[in-house]
N, C-alpha and C. Protein backbone atom coordinates (compact mmCIF):
# COMPACT_ATOMS: atom_id res chain seq x y z
N MET A 1 -8.73 11.12 17.77
CA MET A 1 -9.02 9.82 18.35
C MET A 1 -8.09 9.48 19.51
N GLU A 2 -7.01 10.23 19.64
CA GLU A 2 -6.06 10.07 20.74
C GLU A 2 -5.53 8.64 20.84
N LEU A 3 -5.19 8.06 19.70
CA LEU A 3 -4.61 6.72 19.69
C LEU A 3 -3.12 6.81 19.97
N PRO A 4 -2.60 5.99 20.86
CA PRO A 4 -1.16 6.04 21.15
C PRO A 4 -0.35 5.51 19.97
N VAL A 5 0.78 6.15 19.71
CA VAL A 5 1.65 5.77 18.60
C VAL A 5 3.06 5.54 19.12
N THR A 6 3.69 4.48 18.67
CA THR A 6 5.07 4.17 19.03
C THR A 6 5.91 4.11 17.76
N VAL A 7 7.02 4.82 17.72
CA VAL A 7 7.93 4.78 16.58
C VAL A 7 9.02 3.76 16.89
N LEU A 8 9.15 2.77 16.01
CA LEU A 8 10.12 1.70 16.21
C LEU A 8 11.31 1.89 15.28
N ASP A 9 12.49 1.63 15.77
CA ASP A 9 13.72 1.71 14.99
C ASP A 9 14.07 0.30 14.51
N ASN A 10 14.13 0.12 13.18
CA ASN A 10 14.34 -1.24 12.67
C ASN A 10 15.71 -1.81 13.01
N THR A 11 16.62 -0.97 13.47
CA THR A 11 17.94 -1.47 13.84
C THR A 11 17.94 -2.12 15.22
N SER A 12 16.87 -1.94 15.97
CA SER A 12 16.82 -2.51 17.32
C SER A 12 15.65 -3.49 17.49
N LEU A 13 15.06 -3.95 16.38
CA LEU A 13 13.92 -4.85 16.47
C LEU A 13 14.38 -6.29 16.64
N ASN A 14 13.49 -7.10 17.20
CA ASN A 14 13.71 -8.55 17.26
C ASN A 14 12.38 -9.25 17.01
N GLY A 15 12.38 -10.55 17.09
CA GLY A 15 11.20 -11.31 16.73
C GLY A 15 9.97 -11.03 17.57
N SER A 16 10.15 -10.57 18.80
CA SER A 16 9.01 -10.32 19.68
C SER A 16 8.68 -8.84 19.81
N SER A 17 9.32 -8.01 19.00
CA SER A 17 9.12 -6.56 19.13
C SER A 17 7.69 -6.12 18.86
N PHE A 18 6.94 -6.92 18.09
CA PHE A 18 5.61 -6.49 17.66
C PHE A 18 4.49 -7.00 18.56
N ASP A 19 4.82 -7.85 19.50
CA ASP A 19 3.79 -8.47 20.33
C ASP A 19 2.88 -7.47 21.04
N PRO A 20 3.37 -6.32 21.52
CA PRO A 20 2.48 -5.41 22.25
C PRO A 20 1.51 -4.63 21.36
N TYR A 21 1.63 -4.75 20.05
CA TYR A 21 0.90 -3.84 19.16
C TYR A 21 -0.19 -4.55 18.37
N THR A 22 -1.21 -3.78 18.00
CA THR A 22 -2.31 -4.28 17.18
C THR A 22 -2.13 -3.95 15.71
N HIS A 23 -1.42 -2.85 15.41
CA HIS A 23 -1.20 -2.39 14.04
C HIS A 23 0.27 -2.00 13.87
N VAL A 24 0.79 -2.22 12.69
CA VAL A 24 2.14 -1.77 12.34
C VAL A 24 2.08 -1.09 10.97
N PHE A 25 2.67 0.09 10.87
CA PHE A 25 2.80 0.81 9.61
C PHE A 25 4.21 0.62 9.07
N LEU A 26 4.32 0.31 7.79
CA LEU A 26 5.61 0.30 7.10
C LEU A 26 5.61 1.47 6.13
N PRO A 27 6.37 2.53 6.41
CA PRO A 27 6.39 3.70 5.53
C PRO A 27 7.29 3.46 4.33
N SER A 28 7.22 4.38 3.38
CA SER A 28 8.10 4.30 2.21
C SER A 28 9.47 4.82 2.61
N ALA A 29 10.29 3.93 3.12
CA ALA A 29 11.62 4.30 3.62
C ALA A 29 12.51 3.07 3.55
N TYR A 30 13.80 3.26 3.81
CA TYR A 30 14.71 2.12 3.82
C TYR A 30 14.42 1.27 5.05
N LEU A 31 14.06 0.02 4.83
CA LEU A 31 13.65 -0.85 5.92
C LEU A 31 14.67 -1.93 6.24
N GLY A 32 15.79 -1.92 5.57
CA GLY A 32 16.82 -2.90 5.85
C GLY A 32 16.69 -4.14 4.97
N ALA A 33 17.42 -5.17 5.32
CA ALA A 33 17.43 -6.41 4.54
C ALA A 33 16.11 -7.16 4.71
N VAL A 34 15.65 -7.77 3.61
CA VAL A 34 14.38 -8.50 3.67
C VAL A 34 14.49 -9.77 4.51
N ASP A 35 15.71 -10.21 4.80
CA ASP A 35 15.88 -11.40 5.64
C ASP A 35 16.37 -11.03 7.04
N ALA A 36 16.15 -9.79 7.44
CA ALA A 36 16.53 -9.37 8.79
C ALA A 36 15.81 -10.23 9.82
N PRO A 37 16.43 -10.48 10.98
CA PRO A 37 15.83 -11.37 11.98
C PRO A 37 14.42 -10.96 12.41
N TRP A 38 14.13 -9.66 12.42
CA TRP A 38 12.81 -9.23 12.90
C TRP A 38 11.71 -9.47 11.88
N VAL A 39 12.04 -9.73 10.62
CA VAL A 39 11.02 -9.91 9.59
C VAL A 39 10.19 -11.16 9.86
N ASP A 40 10.82 -12.25 10.27
CA ASP A 40 10.07 -13.46 10.60
C ASP A 40 9.11 -13.20 11.76
N GLY A 41 9.55 -12.39 12.71
CA GLY A 41 8.67 -12.03 13.82
C GLY A 41 7.46 -11.25 13.35
N LEU A 42 7.66 -10.37 12.36
CA LEU A 42 6.55 -9.59 11.82
C LEU A 42 5.58 -10.49 11.06
N LYS A 43 6.11 -11.45 10.31
CA LYS A 43 5.24 -12.40 9.60
C LYS A 43 4.37 -13.17 10.59
N SER A 44 4.98 -13.66 11.65
CA SER A 44 4.24 -14.42 12.65
C SER A 44 3.19 -13.55 13.32
N TRP A 45 3.55 -12.29 13.58
CA TRP A 45 2.62 -11.35 14.21
C TRP A 45 1.39 -11.12 13.33
N VAL A 46 1.59 -10.97 12.02
CA VAL A 46 0.46 -10.78 11.10
C VAL A 46 -0.42 -12.02 11.09
N ARG A 47 0.18 -13.19 10.93
CA ARG A 47 -0.60 -14.43 10.87
C ARG A 47 -1.38 -14.67 12.15
N SER A 48 -0.91 -14.10 13.24
CA SER A 48 -1.59 -14.28 14.53
C SER A 48 -2.70 -13.26 14.75
N GLY A 49 -2.92 -12.37 13.79
CA GLY A 49 -4.03 -11.43 13.90
C GLY A 49 -3.67 -9.97 13.81
N GLY A 50 -2.41 -9.65 13.56
CA GLY A 50 -2.01 -8.25 13.45
C GLY A 50 -2.44 -7.63 12.13
N THR A 51 -2.54 -6.31 12.13
CA THR A 51 -2.88 -5.56 10.92
C THR A 51 -1.66 -4.78 10.47
N LEU A 52 -1.15 -5.11 9.29
CA LEU A 52 0.03 -4.47 8.73
C LEU A 52 -0.41 -3.52 7.62
N ILE A 53 -0.04 -2.25 7.72
CA ILE A 53 -0.41 -1.23 6.75
C ILE A 53 0.86 -0.76 6.05
N VAL A 54 0.91 -0.93 4.74
CA VAL A 54 2.13 -0.72 3.97
C VAL A 54 1.89 0.36 2.92
N GLN A 55 2.86 1.27 2.77
CA GLN A 55 2.68 2.40 1.87
C GLN A 55 3.80 2.49 0.84
N ARG A 56 3.42 2.80 -0.36
CA ARG A 56 4.28 3.21 -1.47
C ARG A 56 5.50 2.28 -1.66
N GLY A 57 6.70 2.81 -1.50
CA GLY A 57 7.90 2.03 -1.77
C GLY A 57 8.07 0.81 -0.89
N ALA A 58 7.44 0.82 0.28
CA ALA A 58 7.54 -0.33 1.18
C ALA A 58 6.77 -1.54 0.67
N VAL A 59 5.85 -1.33 -0.29
CA VAL A 59 5.05 -2.44 -0.80
C VAL A 59 5.95 -3.47 -1.48
N SER A 60 6.85 -3.02 -2.34
CA SER A 60 7.76 -3.95 -3.02
C SER A 60 8.69 -4.64 -2.03
N TRP A 61 9.17 -3.88 -1.06
CA TRP A 61 10.06 -4.46 -0.04
C TRP A 61 9.33 -5.56 0.72
N ALA A 62 8.09 -5.27 1.13
CA ALA A 62 7.33 -6.23 1.93
C ALA A 62 7.02 -7.50 1.13
N ARG A 63 6.83 -7.36 -0.17
CA ARG A 63 6.59 -8.56 -0.99
C ARG A 63 7.85 -9.41 -1.06
N ARG A 64 8.99 -8.78 -1.26
CA ARG A 64 10.24 -9.54 -1.30
C ARG A 64 10.52 -10.22 0.03
N ALA A 65 10.04 -9.59 1.11
CA ALA A 65 10.24 -10.16 2.44
C ALA A 65 9.25 -11.27 2.75
N GLY A 66 8.28 -11.50 1.87
CA GLY A 66 7.30 -12.56 2.08
C GLY A 66 6.15 -12.16 2.98
N LEU A 67 5.92 -10.86 3.13
CA LEU A 67 4.84 -10.39 4.00
C LEU A 67 3.50 -10.35 3.27
N HIS A 68 3.52 -10.34 1.95
CA HIS A 68 2.29 -10.40 1.15
C HIS A 68 2.68 -10.90 -0.24
N SER A 69 1.69 -11.12 -1.10
CA SER A 69 1.96 -11.67 -2.43
C SER A 69 1.53 -10.76 -3.57
N THR A 70 1.02 -9.58 -3.26
CA THR A 70 0.55 -8.66 -4.30
C THR A 70 1.72 -8.02 -5.04
N GLU A 71 1.69 -8.10 -6.36
CA GLU A 71 2.76 -7.51 -7.16
C GLU A 71 2.46 -6.05 -7.45
N THR A 72 3.52 -5.30 -7.73
CA THR A 72 3.36 -3.93 -8.19
C THR A 72 3.58 -3.91 -9.70
N THR A 73 2.99 -2.94 -10.37
CA THR A 73 3.13 -2.88 -11.82
C THR A 73 4.55 -2.52 -12.21
N GLN A 74 5.28 -1.83 -11.35
CA GLN A 74 6.66 -1.49 -11.66
C GLN A 74 7.56 -2.71 -11.66
N SER A 75 7.12 -3.80 -11.01
CA SER A 75 7.95 -5.00 -10.93
C SER A 75 7.64 -6.00 -12.02
N GLU A 76 6.65 -5.68 -12.88
CA GLU A 76 6.30 -6.60 -13.96
C GLU A 76 7.42 -6.63 -15.00
N PRO A 77 7.82 -7.81 -15.46
CA PRO A 77 8.89 -7.89 -16.45
C PRO A 77 8.46 -7.33 -17.79
N THR A 78 9.38 -6.81 -18.55
CA THR A 78 9.10 -6.30 -19.88
C THR A 78 9.98 -7.00 -20.89
N THR A 79 9.42 -7.24 -22.08
CA THR A 79 10.18 -7.89 -23.14
C THR A 79 10.60 -6.88 -24.20
N ASP A 80 10.27 -5.61 -23.98
CA ASP A 80 10.61 -4.59 -24.96
C ASP A 80 12.11 -4.32 -24.96
N THR A 81 12.67 -4.14 -26.13
CA THR A 81 14.07 -3.77 -26.25
C THR A 81 14.19 -2.26 -26.03
N PRO A 82 14.98 -1.83 -25.05
CA PRO A 82 15.06 -0.39 -24.78
C PRO A 82 15.67 0.37 -25.94
N GLU A 83 15.15 1.57 -26.15
CA GLU A 83 15.70 2.42 -27.20
C GLU A 83 16.98 3.08 -26.71
N ARG A 84 17.91 3.27 -27.66
CA ARG A 84 19.13 4.00 -27.32
C ARG A 84 18.79 5.47 -27.13
N GLY A 85 19.49 6.08 -26.20
CA GLY A 85 19.27 7.50 -25.93
C GLY A 85 20.55 8.29 -26.08
N VAL A 86 20.38 9.59 -26.12
CA VAL A 86 21.51 10.51 -26.19
C VAL A 86 21.92 10.86 -24.76
N TYR A 87 23.17 10.65 -24.42
CA TYR A 87 23.64 10.85 -23.04
C TYR A 87 23.33 12.25 -22.54
N ALA A 88 23.47 13.24 -23.41
CA ALA A 88 23.24 14.63 -22.99
C ALA A 88 21.80 14.87 -22.57
N ASN A 89 20.90 13.99 -23.01
CA ASN A 89 19.48 14.15 -22.68
C ASN A 89 19.06 13.30 -21.48
N ALA A 90 20.00 12.57 -20.89
CA ALA A 90 19.64 11.60 -19.85
C ALA A 90 18.91 12.24 -18.68
N SER A 91 19.42 13.35 -18.19
CA SER A 91 18.81 14.00 -17.03
C SER A 91 17.40 14.47 -17.34
N ASN A 92 17.21 15.09 -18.50
CA ASN A 92 15.88 15.56 -18.88
C ASN A 92 14.92 14.40 -19.11
N ASP A 93 15.43 13.32 -19.70
CA ASP A 93 14.57 12.15 -19.94
C ASP A 93 14.07 11.55 -18.63
N ARG A 94 14.98 11.43 -17.65
CA ARG A 94 14.57 10.89 -16.35
C ARG A 94 13.59 11.83 -15.66
N GLY A 95 13.85 13.12 -15.76
CA GLY A 95 12.95 14.08 -15.14
C GLY A 95 11.56 14.06 -15.74
N ALA A 96 11.48 13.84 -17.06
CA ALA A 96 10.18 13.81 -17.73
C ALA A 96 9.33 12.63 -17.27
N LYS A 97 9.98 11.55 -16.83
CA LYS A 97 9.24 10.37 -16.40
C LYS A 97 8.89 10.40 -14.92
N ALA A 98 9.44 11.34 -14.19
CA ALA A 98 9.14 11.44 -12.76
C ALA A 98 7.72 11.98 -12.56
N LEU A 99 7.04 11.43 -11.59
CA LEU A 99 5.70 11.90 -11.24
C LEU A 99 5.79 12.64 -9.92
N GLY A 100 5.91 13.96 -10.00
CA GLY A 100 6.14 14.75 -8.80
C GLY A 100 4.92 14.92 -7.92
N GLY A 101 3.74 14.75 -8.49
CA GLY A 101 2.52 14.91 -7.72
C GLY A 101 1.38 15.38 -8.60
N SER A 102 0.43 14.50 -8.89
CA SER A 102 -0.72 14.82 -9.73
C SER A 102 -1.96 14.17 -9.13
N ILE A 103 -3.11 14.55 -9.67
CA ILE A 103 -4.38 14.03 -9.17
C ILE A 103 -4.89 12.97 -10.15
N PHE A 104 -5.23 11.82 -9.60
CA PHE A 104 -5.68 10.70 -10.42
C PHE A 104 -7.07 10.24 -9.99
N LYS A 105 -7.79 9.66 -10.94
CA LYS A 105 -9.13 9.14 -10.68
C LYS A 105 -9.07 7.63 -10.45
N ALA A 106 -9.79 7.19 -9.44
CA ALA A 106 -9.87 5.75 -9.17
C ALA A 106 -11.32 5.35 -8.97
N ASN A 107 -11.75 4.31 -9.67
CA ASN A 107 -13.08 3.77 -9.43
C ASN A 107 -13.14 3.24 -8.00
N ALA A 108 -14.20 3.59 -7.30
CA ALA A 108 -14.26 3.31 -5.87
C ALA A 108 -15.45 2.44 -5.50
N ASP A 109 -15.20 1.49 -4.62
CA ASP A 109 -16.27 0.70 -4.02
C ASP A 109 -16.60 1.35 -2.68
N PHE A 110 -17.60 2.21 -2.70
CA PHE A 110 -17.92 2.97 -1.49
C PHE A 110 -18.62 2.12 -0.43
N THR A 111 -18.91 0.85 -0.76
CA THR A 111 -19.47 -0.04 0.26
C THR A 111 -18.39 -0.72 1.09
N HIS A 112 -17.14 -0.58 0.67
CA HIS A 112 -16.04 -1.24 1.37
C HIS A 112 -15.74 -0.52 2.68
N PRO A 113 -15.46 -1.25 3.76
CA PRO A 113 -15.18 -0.60 5.04
C PRO A 113 -14.04 0.41 4.99
N LEU A 114 -13.04 0.21 4.13
CA LEU A 114 -11.93 1.17 4.07
C LEU A 114 -12.35 2.51 3.48
N LEU A 115 -13.52 2.55 2.84
CA LEU A 115 -14.02 3.80 2.28
C LEU A 115 -15.21 4.34 3.07
N TYR A 116 -15.40 3.79 4.26
CA TYR A 116 -16.50 4.25 5.10
C TYR A 116 -16.38 5.75 5.38
N GLY A 117 -17.48 6.46 5.21
CA GLY A 117 -17.50 7.89 5.52
C GLY A 117 -16.96 8.79 4.45
N VAL A 118 -16.45 8.22 3.35
CA VAL A 118 -15.95 9.05 2.25
C VAL A 118 -17.13 9.66 1.52
N ASP A 119 -17.06 10.96 1.26
CA ASP A 119 -18.16 11.67 0.61
C ASP A 119 -18.30 11.20 -0.83
N ILE A 120 -19.45 10.66 -1.18
CA ILE A 120 -19.68 10.12 -2.51
C ILE A 120 -20.16 11.24 -3.43
N GLN A 121 -19.29 11.68 -4.33
CA GLN A 121 -19.65 12.70 -5.31
C GLN A 121 -19.88 12.08 -6.68
N ASP A 122 -19.24 10.98 -6.94
CA ASP A 122 -19.30 10.31 -8.24
C ASP A 122 -18.92 8.85 -8.01
N SER A 123 -18.76 8.10 -9.09
CA SER A 123 -18.36 6.70 -8.94
C SER A 123 -16.86 6.57 -8.72
N TRP A 124 -16.12 7.67 -8.84
CA TRP A 124 -14.67 7.62 -8.66
C TRP A 124 -14.24 8.56 -7.54
N MET A 125 -13.01 8.35 -7.09
CA MET A 125 -12.42 9.14 -6.01
C MET A 125 -11.13 9.77 -6.51
N ALA A 126 -10.89 11.01 -6.12
CA ALA A 126 -9.67 11.72 -6.53
C ALA A 126 -8.55 11.39 -5.55
N LEU A 127 -7.42 10.91 -6.09
CA LEU A 127 -6.27 10.52 -5.28
C LEU A 127 -5.05 11.34 -5.66
N PHE A 128 -4.29 11.77 -4.66
CA PHE A 128 -3.00 12.39 -4.93
C PHE A 128 -1.97 11.29 -5.14
N LYS A 129 -1.17 11.42 -6.19
CA LYS A 129 -0.22 10.36 -6.53
C LYS A 129 1.11 10.96 -6.93
N ASN A 130 2.20 10.43 -6.36
CA ASN A 130 3.54 10.89 -6.74
C ASN A 130 4.50 9.71 -6.96
N SER A 131 3.94 8.63 -7.51
CA SER A 131 4.76 7.49 -7.92
C SER A 131 4.19 6.93 -9.21
N ASN A 132 5.04 6.27 -9.99
CA ASN A 132 4.60 5.74 -11.28
C ASN A 132 4.04 4.33 -11.19
N GLY A 133 4.01 3.76 -10.02
CA GLY A 133 3.57 2.38 -9.88
C GLY A 133 2.17 2.27 -9.31
N ALA A 134 1.62 1.07 -9.43
CA ALA A 134 0.33 0.75 -8.84
C ALA A 134 0.38 -0.72 -8.41
N LEU A 135 -0.74 -1.24 -7.97
CA LEU A 135 -0.81 -2.61 -7.47
C LEU A 135 -1.57 -3.49 -8.45
N VAL A 136 -1.06 -4.68 -8.68
CA VAL A 136 -1.75 -5.63 -9.54
C VAL A 136 -3.01 -6.12 -8.84
N ILE A 137 -4.14 -6.06 -9.53
CA ILE A 137 -5.41 -6.45 -8.92
C ILE A 137 -5.37 -7.94 -8.57
N PRO A 138 -5.68 -8.29 -7.33
CA PRO A 138 -5.61 -9.70 -6.91
C PRO A 138 -6.80 -10.51 -7.42
N ASP A 139 -6.74 -11.82 -7.24
CA ASP A 139 -7.84 -12.70 -7.67
C ASP A 139 -9.10 -12.48 -6.85
N ASN A 140 -8.95 -12.12 -5.59
CA ASN A 140 -10.11 -11.87 -4.74
C ASN A 140 -10.87 -10.65 -5.26
N PRO A 141 -12.12 -10.81 -5.72
CA PRO A 141 -12.84 -9.69 -6.34
C PRO A 141 -13.25 -8.59 -5.37
N TYR A 142 -13.10 -8.82 -4.08
CA TYR A 142 -13.52 -7.83 -3.09
C TYR A 142 -12.34 -7.14 -2.40
N ALA A 143 -11.13 -7.40 -2.89
CA ALA A 143 -9.93 -6.97 -2.17
C ALA A 143 -9.28 -5.72 -2.73
N SER A 144 -9.87 -5.11 -3.75
CA SER A 144 -9.27 -3.90 -4.34
C SER A 144 -10.33 -2.81 -4.48
N PRO A 145 -10.63 -2.11 -3.39
CA PRO A 145 -11.72 -1.12 -3.41
C PRO A 145 -11.42 0.15 -4.18
N LEU A 146 -10.16 0.38 -4.56
CA LEU A 146 -9.80 1.54 -5.37
C LEU A 146 -8.96 1.08 -6.56
N VAL A 147 -9.47 1.31 -7.76
CA VAL A 147 -8.77 0.91 -8.99
C VAL A 147 -8.72 2.12 -9.93
N TYR A 148 -7.54 2.47 -10.36
CA TYR A 148 -7.40 3.62 -11.26
C TYR A 148 -8.21 3.40 -12.54
N THR A 149 -8.85 4.46 -13.01
CA THR A 149 -9.66 4.37 -14.22
C THR A 149 -8.77 4.15 -15.44
N ASP A 150 -9.39 3.85 -16.56
CA ASP A 150 -8.63 3.64 -17.80
C ASP A 150 -8.00 4.93 -18.31
N ASP A 151 -8.56 6.06 -17.92
CA ASP A 151 -7.99 7.37 -18.28
C ASP A 151 -7.81 8.13 -16.96
N PRO A 152 -6.78 7.79 -16.19
CA PRO A 152 -6.76 8.16 -14.77
C PRO A 152 -6.35 9.58 -14.43
N LEU A 153 -5.65 10.28 -15.30
CA LEU A 153 -5.14 11.60 -14.94
C LEU A 153 -6.28 12.61 -14.89
N ALA A 154 -6.50 13.19 -13.70
CA ALA A 154 -7.53 14.21 -13.53
C ALA A 154 -6.96 15.61 -13.59
N ALA A 155 -5.76 15.81 -13.05
CA ALA A 155 -5.12 17.13 -13.06
C ALA A 155 -3.63 16.94 -12.85
N GLY A 156 -2.84 17.72 -13.57
CA GLY A 156 -1.40 17.64 -13.43
C GLY A 156 -0.75 16.96 -14.62
N TYR A 157 0.44 16.44 -14.39
CA TYR A 157 1.26 15.86 -15.46
C TYR A 157 1.51 14.38 -15.23
N MET A 158 1.51 13.63 -16.32
CA MET A 158 1.89 12.22 -16.29
C MET A 158 2.60 11.90 -17.60
N HIS A 159 3.77 11.29 -17.51
CA HIS A 159 4.46 10.86 -18.72
C HIS A 159 3.63 9.77 -19.40
N PRO A 160 3.54 9.79 -20.74
CA PRO A 160 2.72 8.79 -21.44
C PRO A 160 3.05 7.34 -21.06
N ASP A 161 4.31 7.04 -20.78
CA ASP A 161 4.68 5.67 -20.41
C ASP A 161 4.06 5.24 -19.09
N SER A 162 3.75 6.20 -18.22
CA SER A 162 3.22 5.87 -16.90
C SER A 162 1.79 5.37 -16.96
N LYS A 163 1.08 5.73 -18.01
CA LYS A 163 -0.32 5.30 -18.11
C LYS A 163 -0.43 3.78 -18.09
N GLU A 164 0.52 3.11 -18.71
CA GLU A 164 0.48 1.65 -18.77
C GLU A 164 0.63 1.01 -17.39
N THR A 165 1.39 1.64 -16.51
CA THR A 165 1.63 1.05 -15.19
C THR A 165 0.62 1.53 -14.14
N ILE A 166 -0.26 2.46 -14.53
CA ILE A 166 -1.23 2.99 -13.57
C ILE A 166 -2.67 2.65 -13.96
N ALA A 167 -3.05 2.95 -15.20
CA ALA A 167 -4.44 2.77 -15.63
C ALA A 167 -4.90 1.33 -15.47
N GLY A 168 -6.08 1.17 -14.86
CA GLY A 168 -6.65 -0.16 -14.69
C GLY A 168 -6.05 -0.99 -13.59
N HIS A 169 -5.12 -0.43 -12.84
CA HIS A 169 -4.49 -1.14 -11.73
C HIS A 169 -4.98 -0.57 -10.39
N ALA A 170 -4.70 -1.28 -9.33
CA ALA A 170 -5.26 -0.92 -8.02
C ALA A 170 -4.42 0.12 -7.29
N ALA A 171 -5.11 0.97 -6.55
CA ALA A 171 -4.46 1.93 -5.66
C ALA A 171 -4.47 1.44 -4.22
N LEU A 172 -5.33 0.47 -3.93
CA LEU A 172 -5.50 -0.03 -2.57
C LEU A 172 -5.89 -1.50 -2.64
N VAL A 173 -5.19 -2.32 -1.87
CA VAL A 173 -5.45 -3.77 -1.87
C VAL A 173 -5.42 -4.28 -0.43
N VAL A 174 -6.32 -5.20 -0.14
CA VAL A 174 -6.34 -5.87 1.17
C VAL A 174 -6.02 -7.34 0.96
N GLU A 175 -5.10 -7.85 1.74
CA GLU A 175 -4.71 -9.26 1.61
C GLU A 175 -4.75 -9.91 2.99
N ASN A 176 -5.47 -11.01 3.09
CA ASN A 176 -5.54 -11.75 4.35
C ASN A 176 -4.36 -12.70 4.47
N ARG A 177 -3.75 -12.72 5.66
CA ARG A 177 -2.61 -13.61 5.94
C ARG A 177 -2.88 -14.27 7.28
N GLY A 178 -3.27 -15.54 7.25
CA GLY A 178 -3.64 -16.19 8.50
C GLY A 178 -4.84 -15.50 9.12
N ARG A 179 -4.73 -15.12 10.39
CA ARG A 179 -5.81 -14.39 11.06
C ARG A 179 -5.63 -12.88 10.91
N GLY A 180 -4.57 -12.46 10.26
CA GLY A 180 -4.28 -11.04 10.13
C GLY A 180 -4.53 -10.51 8.73
N GLN A 181 -4.23 -9.23 8.55
CA GLN A 181 -4.47 -8.56 7.29
C GLN A 181 -3.27 -7.69 6.93
N VAL A 182 -3.03 -7.58 5.62
CA VAL A 182 -2.04 -6.65 5.11
C VAL A 182 -2.79 -5.69 4.19
N ILE A 183 -2.72 -4.40 4.50
CA ILE A 183 -3.40 -3.37 3.72
C ILE A 183 -2.34 -2.58 2.97
N LEU A 184 -2.46 -2.57 1.64
CA LEU A 184 -1.42 -2.00 0.78
C LEU A 184 -1.93 -0.74 0.09
N PHE A 185 -1.18 0.34 0.24
CA PHE A 185 -1.47 1.60 -0.46
C PHE A 185 -0.38 1.82 -1.52
N ALA A 186 -0.79 2.07 -2.76
CA ALA A 186 0.19 2.34 -3.81
C ALA A 186 0.97 3.62 -3.54
N ASP A 187 0.34 4.56 -2.84
CA ASP A 187 0.99 5.82 -2.48
C ASP A 187 0.72 6.11 -1.01
N ASN A 188 1.21 7.23 -0.53
CA ASN A 188 1.01 7.62 0.85
C ASN A 188 -0.27 8.46 0.94
N PRO A 189 -1.35 7.94 1.52
CA PRO A 189 -2.61 8.69 1.58
C PRO A 189 -2.54 9.91 2.48
N ASN A 190 -1.45 10.04 3.25
CA ASN A 190 -1.30 11.18 4.17
C ASN A 190 -0.14 12.08 3.76
N PHE A 191 0.26 12.04 2.50
CA PHE A 191 1.42 12.80 2.06
C PHE A 191 1.29 14.27 2.43
N ARG A 192 2.20 14.73 3.29
CA ARG A 192 2.26 16.12 3.75
C ARG A 192 0.94 16.62 4.35
N ALA A 193 0.04 15.70 4.65
CA ALA A 193 -1.20 16.01 5.37
C ALA A 193 -2.02 17.12 4.71
N PHE A 194 -2.03 17.14 3.38
CA PHE A 194 -2.80 18.19 2.73
C PHE A 194 -3.92 17.65 1.85
N TRP A 195 -3.86 16.37 1.45
CA TRP A 195 -4.92 15.81 0.62
C TRP A 195 -5.91 15.11 1.55
N MET A 196 -6.88 15.90 2.01
CA MET A 196 -7.72 15.47 3.12
C MET A 196 -8.59 14.26 2.78
N GLY A 197 -8.99 14.12 1.53
CA GLY A 197 -9.93 13.07 1.17
C GLY A 197 -9.44 11.67 1.47
N THR A 198 -8.13 11.44 1.35
CA THR A 198 -7.62 10.08 1.57
C THR A 198 -7.12 9.84 2.99
N GLN A 199 -7.09 10.87 3.81
CA GLN A 199 -6.66 10.65 5.19
C GLN A 199 -7.62 9.71 5.92
N ARG A 200 -8.89 9.76 5.53
CA ARG A 200 -9.87 8.88 6.16
C ARG A 200 -9.56 7.40 5.88
N LEU A 201 -8.92 7.14 4.75
CA LEU A 201 -8.59 5.75 4.43
C LEU A 201 -7.65 5.16 5.47
N THR A 202 -6.71 5.98 5.94
CA THR A 202 -5.79 5.51 6.98
C THR A 202 -6.53 5.25 8.28
N VAL A 203 -7.42 6.16 8.65
CA VAL A 203 -8.22 5.98 9.86
C VAL A 203 -9.04 4.70 9.75
N ASN A 204 -9.66 4.49 8.60
CA ASN A 204 -10.47 3.29 8.41
C ASN A 204 -9.61 2.02 8.45
N ALA A 205 -8.38 2.11 7.93
CA ALA A 205 -7.49 0.95 7.98
C ALA A 205 -7.19 0.57 9.43
N VAL A 206 -7.06 1.57 10.29
CA VAL A 206 -6.80 1.31 11.70
C VAL A 206 -8.05 0.75 12.39
N VAL A 207 -9.19 1.38 12.13
CA VAL A 207 -10.42 1.02 12.84
C VAL A 207 -11.01 -0.29 12.32
N PHE A 208 -11.10 -0.41 11.00
CA PHE A 208 -11.78 -1.57 10.41
C PHE A 208 -10.84 -2.66 9.91
N GLY A 209 -9.55 -2.35 9.82
CA GLY A 209 -8.59 -3.31 9.30
C GLY A 209 -8.67 -4.69 9.93
N PRO A 210 -8.73 -4.78 11.26
CA PRO A 210 -8.74 -6.11 11.89
C PRO A 210 -9.95 -6.96 11.53
N SER A 211 -11.02 -6.36 11.02
CA SER A 211 -12.24 -7.12 10.73
C SER A 211 -12.39 -7.44 9.25
N LEU A 212 -11.43 -7.05 8.42
CA LEU A 212 -11.56 -7.27 6.97
C LEU A 212 -11.31 -8.74 6.60
């Protein structure tokens, strides 16, 4: 598509840094303090009609910064009393809960613009996932076109505890903010550019995002 791309350094941003752009991507990376001076500029830019696309770890950061209101399942409070563990097993226990990369099933609304052109093989779509979190389904019934199934693991490994934070929750959410939109991905749909099926979602977010 030959779309021009500009890489911005968050250490040199200011309130007007986003004015020349139509879309901004927030990757899963360290983005600085949620009250950084440029964050208010980004909020204003979105409300004025910008399209903000947020991926994986940046979703929680962006919520704390006030850029959207969608919660992640990893941020939900728990009332369970944690079990005591054996220190010698700590490393193995943490490793067992890590999701290094597996294939998950998500119920898909193939009529949604973000899924335009996706090959319909079944009622669900196969997603590559390497995080234990998902997105809480919003009140808007049309804003979550991809929702993990109740039995989401299609191939690979998932710790049993992860099913609670993934199954039945959203993989993709659209939130309107003023005249703009915030598009949230629970994971990176372009991870290492090898899971081709979800790369189209990013293209659709760029092309159709402003009209959602």
